[in-house]
Structure formats: C-alpha cells, structure tokens
C-alpha cells in the first residue's frame, strides 16, 4: 500500500508525497515550495527519491532545486519541458512507465492546460496524480493548448476505472461546483455533492481526492453528453468537442 500525504500550500495548491513503505522510496508531486516537503520528510524520517512534475507553472516547480540540493532526489517531467522545468533528470513521454519501489507508474500525456502537461497513474492502486488537467468538478484553463486537445486529454482520464481516485493540485471545488450548477441545475447528484462540499470547506477540510465515478456524475467537463446540460447552454445536437469548448468558454467568464 502507498502512503499519501497531502500538503496544502500557497492560496489553494496541494503538494502530494507518495511513499512506498516496502522500498522506502518517496516522490513529491508538484512541489511549489520546498520547506513543507522537507518538514514532512523530517517528521516521518522519509528520504525523497523523486519529484514528479506535471507541468512547468511556477507554483508546481519552485521547490525543485532546493529539494534536489538537500535530498539528492531525481526530477521527472515531460520530455518537452526540459527548457522550462528546473533540474529535470529524466524526461518522459506518453506511454512511458516508471517505478516507485515495486509500484508501476504510467505516464499519460494530457495537453491542454499546457502543451507538455503529463499525469502520473498508479494503475494497480487506482491512483491518479493529475496536476491541473482535471479538477474536482472542473478542468484546467487552456493556457497553451486547444479545446480539442483538452477534450481528448479528458477522454483518456474519463476512460480510467470509475473507482480511480485522483489527486489534483488545486482546491477549486467550491467555485467549480457553483459553476456546474449553472449549466446543469437539475442534476440531483450535483446538488447533493455541493452540500457536502460546503460542509467540508466550512470546516477547512479538503475536497480532494475525488473519483472518476464522482466526476462522471457531476463534472460538466465529463458530461457533454447530458441532454439537460446541452439544452441549458443551447448546444443540442452539437459535436462533443464543440459542447466542451462552450462549457470551457462559459467557465472562463463565470
């Protein structure tokens, strides 16, 4: 079993530490700051083996070099981001696999938020570390990629086993859910979920992780085939990618 520690940093970011007790290996996912990671490593007496970066934005990589200097860890990131992620030791591509101890980690390319965005998928454990591609009831903004690219990326994640838990790197759930209700107001599961989210956030609790199954029921970016949603946004009988693009446009101006 993997041990996962969730570290809230900055305004709404999360860093994840993934620890394999059997081998003692540990990976930090998207360390925007070094000190919170160093504190947990010290507290738990863990050694940092890897940094897994999903993309190049500063709030995901600013801790890289300090962590590498102080722990000797290796930095893994998308092959195409060598020029803009500090300290990369190994560039990976879609379909590559890594190991954390005895656990296999699959690399899935998910361009859209950025052109070289990747995610890390532990298939046996059904755990996905997805950076800024998929959020709870949302998805990443299209800073570099196209709607078509992001839609295709989300199709890959949508097809994972429904029980898959995913760990995104921002706590955007409450706003995402409020938007989701504007495009699918009659979704009873969404209404129920938002009541739970409000309670969690009122108690300063995280809403992450979620599951693919929960997103299939409540995330508008997974629900372009919903007739109710299509009708609400005036996109009946349009192509799925067109519907997705319109949902993303509406969310950008929400």
C-alpha atoms as a PDB file:
ATOM      1  CA  UNK A   1       0.000   0.000   0.000  1.00  0.00           C
ATOM      2  CA  UNK A   2       1.130   3.523  -0.791  1.00  0.00           C
ATOM      3  CA  UNK A   3       1.032   6.209   1.869  1.00  0.00           C
ATOM      4  CA  UNK A   4      -0.091   9.589   0.503  1.00  0.00           C
ATOM      5  CA  UNK A   5       0.367  12.862   2.358  1.00  0.00           C
ATOM      6  CA  UNK A   6      -1.489  15.947   1.142  1.00  0.00           C
ATOM      7  CA  UNK A   7       0.190  19.288   1.872  1.00  0.00           C
ATOM      8  CA  UNK A   8      -1.803  22.499   1.392  1.00  0.00           C
ATOM      9  CA  UNK A   9       0.427  25.407   0.317  1.00  0.00           C
ATOM     10  CA  UNK A  10       0.089  28.943  -1.011  1.00  0.00           C
ATOM     11  CA  UNK A  11      -3.522  30.041  -1.508  1.00  0.00           C
ATOM     12  CA  UNK A  12      -5.084  26.846  -2.850  1.00  0.00           C
ATOM     13  CA  UNK A  13      -2.320  24.462  -4.039  1.00  0.00           C
ATOM     14  CA  UNK A  14      -1.617  20.925  -2.898  1.00  0.00           C
ATOM     15  CA  UNK A  15       1.691  19.066  -2.909  1.00  0.00           C
ATOM     16  CA  UNK A  16       1.486  15.281  -2.587  1.00  0.00           C
ATOM     17  CA  UNK A  17       4.065  12.985  -1.057  1.00  0.00           C
ATOM     18  CA  UNK A  18       3.729   9.367  -2.203  1.00  0.00           C
ATOM     19  CA  UNK A  19       5.602   6.908  -0.006  1.00  0.00           C
ATOM     20  CA  UNK A  20       6.200   3.192  -0.590  1.00  0.00           C
ATOM     21  CA  UNK A  21       6.838   1.704   2.878  1.00  0.00           C
ATOM     22  CA  UNK A  22       8.340  -1.501   1.455  1.00  0.00           C
ATOM     23  CA  UNK A  23      11.159   0.133  -0.508  1.00  0.00           C
ATOM     24  CA  UNK A  24      11.317   3.392   1.446  1.00  0.00           C
ATOM     25  CA  UNK A  25      11.077   5.385  -1.776  1.00  0.00           C
ATOM     26  CA  UNK A  26       9.158   8.656  -1.767  1.00  0.00           C
ATOM     27  CA  UNK A  27       8.013  11.007  -4.548  1.00  0.00           C
ATOM     28  CA  UNK A  28       6.838  14.604  -4.249  1.00  0.00           C
ATOM     29  CA  UNK A  29       4.277  15.704  -6.827  1.00  0.00           C
ATOM     30  CA  UNK A  30       4.472  19.341  -7.985  1.00  0.00           C
ATOM     31  CA  UNK A  31       6.368  20.901  -5.083  1.00  0.00           C
ATOM     32  CA  UNK A  32       5.656  24.606  -5.406  1.00  0.00           C
ATOM     33  CA  UNK A  33       7.556  25.118  -2.141  1.00  0.00           C
ATOM     34  CA  UNK A  34      10.407  23.108  -0.648  1.00  0.00           C
ATOM     35  CA  UNK A  35      10.059  23.686   3.097  1.00  0.00           C
ATOM     36  CA  UNK A  36       6.696  21.964   3.687  1.00  0.00           C
ATOM     37  CA  UNK A  37       8.099  18.880   1.938  1.00  0.00           C
ATOM     38  CA  UNK A  38      11.317  18.989   3.969  1.00  0.00           C
ATOM     39  CA  UNK A  39       9.293  19.309   7.180  1.00  0.00           C
ATOM     40  CA  UNK A  40       7.226  16.188   6.442  1.00  0.00           C
ATOM     41  CA  UNK A  41      10.294  14.240   5.343  1.00  0.00           C
ATOM     42  CA  UNK A  42      11.967  15.092   8.635  1.00  0.00           C
ATOM     43  CA  UNK A  43       8.878  14.336  10.685  1.00  0.00           C
ATOM     44  CA  UNK A  44       8.315  10.943   9.063  1.00  0.00           C
ATOM     45  CA  UNK A  45      12.007  10.129   8.591  1.00  0.00           C
ATOM     46  CA  UNK A  46      11.470   9.591   4.870  1.00  0.00           C
ATOM     47  CA  UNK A  47      14.038  10.078   2.113  1.00  0.00           C
ATOM     48  CA  UNK A  48      12.900  11.910  -1.037  1.00  0.00           C
ATOM     49  CA  UNK A  49      13.670   9.791  -4.095  1.00  0.00           C
ATOM     50  CA  UNK A  50      11.823  11.634  -6.873  1.00  0.00           C
ATOM     51  CA  UNK A  51       9.997  14.781  -7.819  1.00  0.00           C
ATOM     52  CA  UNK A  52       7.148  14.177 -10.272  1.00  0.00           C
ATOM     53  CA  UNK A  53       6.296  17.402 -12.116  1.00  0.00           C
ATOM     54  CA  UNK A  54       3.108  17.549 -14.188  1.00  0.00           C
ATOM     55  CA  UNK A  55       3.868  20.872 -15.906  1.00  0.00           C
ATOM     56  CA  UNK A  56       6.060  23.955 -15.745  1.00  0.00           C
ATOM     57  CA  UNK A  57       3.999  26.579 -13.895  1.00  0.00           C
ATOM     58  CA  UNK A  58       5.899  28.182 -11.040  1.00  0.00           C
ATOM     59  CA  UNK A  59       3.503  27.069  -8.300  1.00  0.00           C
ATOM     60  CA  UNK A  60       4.281  23.453  -9.250  1.00  0.00           C
ATOM     61  CA  UNK A  61       8.078  23.617  -9.659  1.00  0.00           C
ATOM     62  CA  UNK A  62       9.533  26.377  -7.461  1.00  0.00           C
ATOM     63  CA  UNK A  63      10.658  23.885  -4.808  1.00  0.00           C
ATOM     64  CA  UNK A  64      12.516  21.670  -7.286  1.00  0.00           C
ATOM     65  CA  UNK A  65      16.081  22.893  -6.985  1.00  0.00           C
ATOM     66  CA  UNK A  66      16.141  23.310  -3.204  1.00  0.00           C
ATOM     67  CA  UNK A  67      14.710  19.824  -2.736  1.00  0.00           C
ATOM     68  CA  UNK A  68      17.190  18.366  -5.205  1.00  0.00           C
ATOM     69  CA  UNK A  69      20.097  20.100  -3.478  1.00  0.00           C
ATOM     70  CA  UNK A  70      19.055  18.990   0.009  1.00  0.00           C
ATOM     71  CA  UNK A  71      17.884  15.439  -0.724  1.00  0.00           C
ATOM     72  CA  UNK A  72      19.632  14.319  -3.925  1.00  0.00           C
ATOM     73  CA  UNK A  73      16.288  13.368  -5.454  1.00  0.00           C
ATOM     74  CA  UNK A  74      15.780  12.879  -9.204  1.00  0.00           C
ATOM     75  CA  UNK A  75      13.352  15.141 -11.069  1.00  0.00           C
ATOM     76  CA  UNK A  76      10.954  13.584 -13.580  1.00  0.00           C
ATOM     77  CA  UNK A  77       8.910  15.698 -16.005  1.00  0.00           C
ATOM     78  CA  UNK A  78       7.601  15.796 -19.554  1.00  0.00           C
ATOM     79  CA  UNK A  79      10.285  15.470 -22.229  1.00  0.00           C
ATOM     80  CA  UNK A  80       9.081  18.663 -23.891  1.00  0.00           C
ATOM     81  CA  UNK A  81       9.595  20.755 -20.754  1.00  0.00           C
ATOM     82  CA  UNK A  82      13.373  20.393 -20.387  1.00  0.00           C
ATOM     83  CA  UNK A  83      13.767  24.077 -21.241  1.00  0.00           C
ATOM     84  CA  UNK A  84      11.383  25.363 -18.592  1.00  0.00           C
ATOM     85  CA  UNK A  85      11.259  22.980 -15.610  1.00  0.00           C
ATOM     86  CA  UNK A  86      14.291  23.423 -13.351  1.00  0.00           C
ATOM     87  CA  UNK A  87      16.524  20.461 -12.618  1.00  0.00           C
ATOM     88  CA  UNK A  88      14.993  17.737 -14.823  1.00  0.00           C
ATOM     89  CA  UNK A  89      16.965  14.472 -14.694  1.00  0.00           C
ATOM     90  CA  UNK A  90      14.628  12.368 -16.826  1.00  0.00           C
ATOM     91  CA  UNK A  91      12.133  13.456 -19.464  1.00  0.00           C
ATOM     92  CA  UNK A  92       9.173  11.153 -20.057  1.00  0.00           C
ATOM     93  CA  UNK A  93       6.570  10.788 -22.797  1.00  0.00           C
ATOM     94  CA  UNK A  94       3.073   9.399 -23.214  1.00  0.00           C
ATOM     95  CA  UNK A  95       3.037   5.651 -22.563  1.00  0.00           C
ATOM     96  CA  UNK A  96       6.308   5.548 -20.622  1.00  0.00           C
ATOM     97  CA  UNK A  97       6.411   3.788 -17.268  1.00  0.00           C
ATOM     98  CA  UNK A  98       8.349   4.464 -14.076  1.00  0.00           C
ATOM     99  CA  UNK A  99       8.670   2.604 -10.812  1.00  0.00           C
ATOM    100  CA  UNK A 100       8.257   3.843  -7.263  1.00  0.00           C
ATOM    101  CA  UNK A 101       9.559   0.873  -5.342  1.00  0.00           C
ATOM    102  CA  UNK A 102       7.600  -2.077  -6.713  1.00  0.00           C
ATOM    103  CA  UNK A 103       4.764   0.104  -7.960  1.00  0.00           C
ATOM    104  CA  UNK A 104       4.467   0.834 -11.655  1.00  0.00           C
ATOM    105  CA  UNK A 105       3.630   4.414 -12.642  1.00  0.00           C
ATOM    106  CA  UNK A 106       2.202   5.096 -16.083  1.00  0.00           C
ATOM    107  CA  UNK A 107       2.714   8.390 -17.876  1.00  0.00           C
ATOM    108  CA  UNK A 108      -0.276   9.829 -19.737  1.00  0.00           C
ATOM    109  CA  UNK A 109       0.175  12.944 -21.881  1.00  0.00           C
ATOM    110  CA  UNK A 110      -2.668  15.409 -21.258  1.00  0.00           C
ATOM    111  CA  UNK A 111      -2.008  18.579 -23.282  1.00  0.00           C
ATOM    112  CA  UNK A 112      -4.459  21.443 -22.958  1.00  0.00           C
ATOM    113  CA  UNK A 113      -3.648  23.430 -19.838  1.00  0.00           C
ATOM    114  CA  UNK A 114      -0.062  23.445 -21.138  1.00  0.00           C
ATOM    115  CA  UNK A 115       1.298  21.737 -24.245  1.00  0.00           C
ATOM    116  CA  UNK A 116       3.535  19.298 -22.352  1.00  0.00           C
ATOM    117  CA  UNK A 117       1.298  18.501 -19.371  1.00  0.00           C
ATOM    118  CA  UNK A 118       1.551  14.901 -18.143  1.00  0.00           C
ATOM    119  CA  UNK A 119      -0.144  12.917 -15.394  1.00  0.00           C
ATOM    120  CA  UNK A 120       1.063  10.003 -13.256  1.00  0.00           C
ATOM    121  CA  UNK A 121      -1.155   6.924 -12.977  1.00  0.00           C
ATOM    122  CA  UNK A 122      -0.683   4.067 -10.493  1.00  0.00           C
ATOM    123  CA  UNK A 123      -2.923   1.514 -12.227  1.00  0.00           C
ATOM    124  CA  UNK A 124      -2.721  -1.245  -9.621  1.00  0.00           C
ATOM    125  CA  UNK A 125      -3.575   1.160  -6.812  1.00  0.00           C
ATOM    126  CA  UNK A 126      -6.051   3.117  -8.978  1.00  0.00           C
ATOM    127  CA  UNK A 127      -4.447   6.433  -8.016  1.00  0.00           C
ATOM    128  CA  UNK A 128      -4.009   9.315 -10.452  1.00  0.00           C
ATOM    129  CA  UNK A 129      -1.940  12.464  -9.864  1.00  0.00           C
ATOM    130  CA  UNK A 130      -3.284  14.821 -12.497  1.00  0.00           C
ATOM    131  CA  UNK A 131      -1.847  18.289 -11.842  1.00  0.00           C
ATOM    132  CA  UNK A 132      -4.043  20.921 -13.491  1.00  0.00           C
ATOM    133  CA  UNK A 133      -5.715  18.783 -16.179  1.00  0.00           C
ATOM    134  CA  UNK A 134      -8.673  17.510 -14.149  1.00  0.00           C
ATOM    135  CA  UNK A 135     -10.113  19.192 -11.063  1.00  0.00           C
ATOM    136  CA  UNK A 136     -12.964  18.172  -8.828  1.00  0.00           C
ATOM    137  CA  UNK A 137     -15.987  19.266 -10.898  1.00  0.00           C
ATOM    138  CA  UNK A 138     -13.689  21.192 -13.260  1.00  0.00           C
ATOM    139  CA  UNK A 139     -10.703  21.118 -15.597  1.00  0.00           C
ATOM    140  CA  UNK A 140      -7.688  23.325 -16.270  1.00  0.00           C
ATOM    141  CA  UNK A 141      -7.794  26.552 -18.232  1.00  0.00           C
ATOM    142  CA  UNK A 142      -6.478  26.421 -21.785  1.00  0.00           C
ATOM    143  CA  UNK A 143      -3.305  28.473 -21.384  1.00  0.00           C
ATOM    144  CA  UNK A 144      -1.405  26.841 -24.261  1.00  0.00           C
ATOM    145  CA  UNK A 145      -3.459  24.039 -25.772  1.00  0.00           C
ATOM    146  CA  UNK A 146      -6.726  23.972 -27.689  1.00  0.00           C
ATOM    147  CA  UNK A 147     -10.188  22.866 -26.642  1.00  0.00           C
ATOM    148  CA  UNK A 148      -9.746  19.842 -28.903  1.00  0.00           C
ATOM    149  CA  UNK A 149      -6.514  18.871 -27.127  1.00  0.00           C
ATOM    150  CA  UNK A 150      -8.005  19.257 -23.657  1.00  0.00           C
ATOM    151  CA  UNK A 151     -11.138  17.356 -24.632  1.00  0.00           C
ATOM    152  CA  UNK A 152      -9.013  14.478 -25.956  1.00  0.00           C
ATOM    153  CA  UNK A 153      -6.918  14.540 -22.760  1.00  0.00           C
ATOM    154  CA  UNK A 154     -10.021  14.357 -20.590  1.00  0.00           C
ATOM    155  CA  UNK A 155     -11.352  11.452 -22.658  1.00  0.00           C
ATOM    156  CA  UNK A 156      -8.270   9.481 -21.593  1.00  0.00           C
ATOM    157  CA  UNK A 157      -8.954  10.195 -17.920  1.00  0.00           C
ATOM    158  CA  UNK A 158     -12.693   9.627 -18.300  1.00  0.00           C
ATOM    159  CA  UNK A 159     -11.931   6.096 -19.550  1.00  0.00           C
ATOM    160  CA  UNK A 160      -9.983   5.096 -16.414  1.00  0.00           C
ATOM    161  CA  UNK A 161     -11.697   2.716 -13.966  1.00  0.00           C
ATOM    162  CA  UNK A 162     -14.524   4.552 -12.163  1.00  0.00           C
ATOM    163  CA  UNK A 163     -13.041   3.713  -8.750  1.00  0.00           C
ATOM    164  CA  UNK A 164      -9.799   5.559  -9.617  1.00  0.00           C
ATOM    165  CA  UNK A 165      -9.011   8.217  -7.028  1.00  0.00           C
ATOM    166  CA  UNK A 166      -7.479  11.349  -8.467  1.00  0.00           C
ATOM    167  CA  UNK A 167      -5.379  13.948  -6.720  1.00  0.00           C
ATOM    168  CA  UNK A 168      -5.409  17.358  -8.402  1.00  0.00           C
ATOM    169  CA  UNK A 169      -3.191  20.223  -7.304  1.00  0.00           C
ATOM    170  CA  UNK A 170      -5.724  22.963  -6.533  1.00  0.00           C
ATOM    171  CA  UNK A 171      -8.664  23.340  -4.167  1.00  0.00           C
ATOM    172  CA  UNK A 172     -11.059  24.852  -6.705  1.00  0.00           C
ATOM    173  CA  UNK A 173     -14.021  22.625  -5.911  1.00  0.00           C
ATOM    174  CA  UNK A 174     -16.475  25.085  -4.402  1.00  0.00           C
ATOM    175  CA  UNK A 175     -16.275  27.557  -7.306  1.00  0.00           C
ATOM    176  CA  UNK A 176     -16.261  24.709  -9.836  1.00  0.00           C
ATOM    177  CA  UNK A 177     -19.400  23.275  -8.294  1.00  0.00           C
ATOM    178  CA  UNK A 178     -21.146  26.636  -8.272  1.00  0.00           C
ATOM    179  CA  UNK A 179     -20.469  26.929 -11.994  1.00  0.00           C
ATOM    180  CA  UNK A 180     -21.564  23.332 -12.623  1.00  0.00           C
ATOM    181  CA  UNK A 181     -24.952  24.146 -11.103  1.00  0.00           C
ATOM    182  CA  UNK A 182     -25.443  26.955 -13.636  1.00  0.00           C
ATOM    183  CA  UNK A 183     -25.107  24.581 -16.604  1.00  0.00           C
ATOM    184  CA  UNK A 184     -26.835  21.552 -15.082  1.00  0.00           C
ATOM    185  CA  UNK A 185     -29.159  22.890 -12.352  1.00  0.00           C
ATOM    186  CA  UNK A 186     -31.387  19.785 -12.321  1.00  0.00           C
ATOM    187  CA  UNK A 187     -28.534  17.342 -11.558  1.00  0.00           C
ATOM    188  CA  UNK A 188     -29.591  15.874  -8.197  1.00  0.00           C
ATOM    189  CA  UNK A 189     -26.205  14.222  -7.539  1.00  0.00           C
ATOM    190  CA  UNK A 190     -24.511  17.558  -8.166  1.00  0.00           C
ATOM    191  CA  UNK A 191     -26.853  19.308  -5.737  1.00  0.00           C
ATOM    192  CA  UNK A 192     -26.139  16.683  -3.079  1.00  0.00           C
ATOM    193  CA  UNK A 193     -22.419  16.861  -3.684  1.00  0.00           C
ATOM    194  CA  UNK A 194     -22.344  20.622  -3.289  1.00  0.00           C
ATOM    195  CA  UNK A 195     -23.973  20.322   0.111  1.00  0.00           C
ATOM    196  CA  UNK A 196     -21.137  18.006   1.161  1.00  0.00           C
ATOM    197  CA  UNK A 197     -18.515  20.338  -0.348  1.00  0.00           C
ATOM    198  CA  UNK A 198     -19.886  23.366   1.519  1.00  0.00           C
ATOM    199  CA  UNK A 199     -19.731  21.455   4.781  1.00  0.00           C
ATOM    200  CA  UNK A 200     -16.147  20.284   4.146  1.00  0.00           C
ATOM    201  CA  UNK A 201     -14.923  23.760   3.248  1.00  0.00           C
ATOM    202  CA  UNK A 202     -16.722  25.367   6.193  1.00  0.00           C
ATOM    203  CA  UNK A 203     -14.653  23.024   8.377  1.00  0.00           C
ATOM    204  CA  UNK A 204     -11.464  23.794   6.396  1.00  0.00           C
ATOM    205  CA  UNK A 205     -11.316  20.229   5.095  1.00  0.00           C
ATOM    206  CA  UNK A 206     -10.045  19.276   1.597  1.00  0.00           C
ATOM    207  CA  UNK A 207     -12.462  18.109  -1.093  1.00  0.00           C
ATOM    208  CA  UNK A 208      -9.636  16.263  -2.865  1.00  0.00           C
ATOM    209  CA  UNK A 209      -9.253  13.399  -3.726  1.00  0.00           C
ATOM    210  CA  UNK A 210     -12.294  12.583  -5.791  1.00  0.00           C
ATOM    211  CA  UNK A 211     -13.040   9.594  -8.022  1.00  0.00           C
ATOM    212  CA  UNK A 212     -13.643   9.244 -11.736  1.00  0.00           C
ATOM    213  CA  UNK A 213     -17.126   7.892 -10.886  1.00  0.00           C
ATOM    214  CA  UNK A 214     -17.995  11.050  -8.953  1.00  0.00           C
ATOM    215  CA  UNK A 215     -16.820  13.221 -11.839  1.00  0.00           C
ATOM    216  CA  UNK A 216     -18.839  11.237 -14.388  1.00  0.00           C
ATOM    217  CA  UNK A 217     -21.906  12.127 -12.316  1.00  0.00           C
ATOM    218  CA  UNK A 218     -21.167  15.774 -11.501  1.00  0.00           C
ATOM    219  CA  UNK A 219     -18.317  17.328 -13.528  1.00  0.00           C
ATOM    220  CA  UNK A 220     -19.676  19.320 -16.506  1.00  0.00           C
ATOM    221  CA  UNK A 221     -16.432  18.729 -18.442  1.00  0.00           C
ATOM    222  CA  UNK A 222     -17.168  14.988 -18.270  1.00  0.00           C
ATOM    223  CA  UNK A 223     -20.838  15.439 -19.113  1.00  0.00           C
ATOM    224  CA  UNK A 224     -21.014  16.882 -22.622  1.00  0.00           C
ATOM    225  CA  UNK A 225     -23.437  14.046 -23.474  1.00  0.00           C
ATOM    226  CA  UNK A 226     -26.004  15.237 -20.907  1.00  0.00           C
ATOM    227  CA  UNK A 227     -29.163  16.364 -22.713  1.00  0.00           C
ATOM    228  CA  UNK A 228     -30.066  18.625 -19.800  1.00  0.00           C
ATOM    229  CA  UNK A 229     -26.666  20.351 -19.948  1.00  0.00           C
ATOM    230  CA  UNK A 230     -26.811  20.698 -23.741  1.00  0.00           C
ATOM    231  CA  UNK A 231     -30.246  22.269 -23.523  1.00  0.00           C
ATOM    232  CA  UNK A 232     -29.229  24.703 -20.772  1.00  0.00           C
ATOM    233  CA  UNK A 233     -26.274  26.046 -22.779  1.00  0.00           C
ATOM    234  CA  UNK A 234     -28.055  25.943 -26.151  1.00  0.00           C
ATOM    235  CA  UNK A 235     -25.817  23.258 -27.704  1.00  0.00           C
ATOM    236  CA  UNK A 236     -28.257  20.463 -28.537  1.00  0.00           C
ATOM    237  CA  UNK A 237     -27.011  18.009 -31.192  1.00  0.00           C
ATOM    238  CA  UNK A 238     -23.569  19.647 -31.445  1.00  0.00           C
ATOM    239  CA  UNK A 239     -20.318  17.686 -31.567  1.00  0.00           C
ATOM    240  CA  UNK A 240     -18.937  16.679 -28.135  1.00  0.00           C
ATOM    241  CA  UNK A 241     -15.800  18.795 -28.577  1.00  0.00           C
ATOM    242  CA  UNK A 242     -17.948  21.826 -29.508  1.00  0.00           C
ATOM    243  CA  UNK A 243     -20.036  21.334 -26.379  1.00  0.00           C
ATOM    244  CA  UNK A 244     -16.880  21.006 -24.298  1.00  0.00           C
ATOM    245  CA  UNK A 245     -15.442  24.215 -25.802  1.00  0.00           C
ATOM    246  CA  UNK A 246     -18.628  26.113 -24.965  1.00  0.00           C
ATOM    247  CA  UNK A 247     -18.605  24.855 -21.359  1.00  0.00           C
ATOM    248  CA  UNK A 248     -14.980  25.953 -21.043  1.00  0.00           C
ATOM    249  CA  UNK A 249     -15.818  29.373 -22.514  1.00  0.00           C
ATOM    250  CA  UNK A 250     -18.676  29.815 -20.060  1.00  0.00           C
ATOM    251  CA  UNK A 251     -16.498  28.776 -17.118  1.00  0.00           C
ATOM    252  CA  UNK A 252     -13.793  31.264 -18.156  1.00  0.00           C
ATOM    253  CA  UNK A 253     -16.296  34.098 -17.863  1.00  0.00           C
ATOM    254  CA  UNK A 254     -18.041  32.774 -14.727  1.00  0.00           C
END
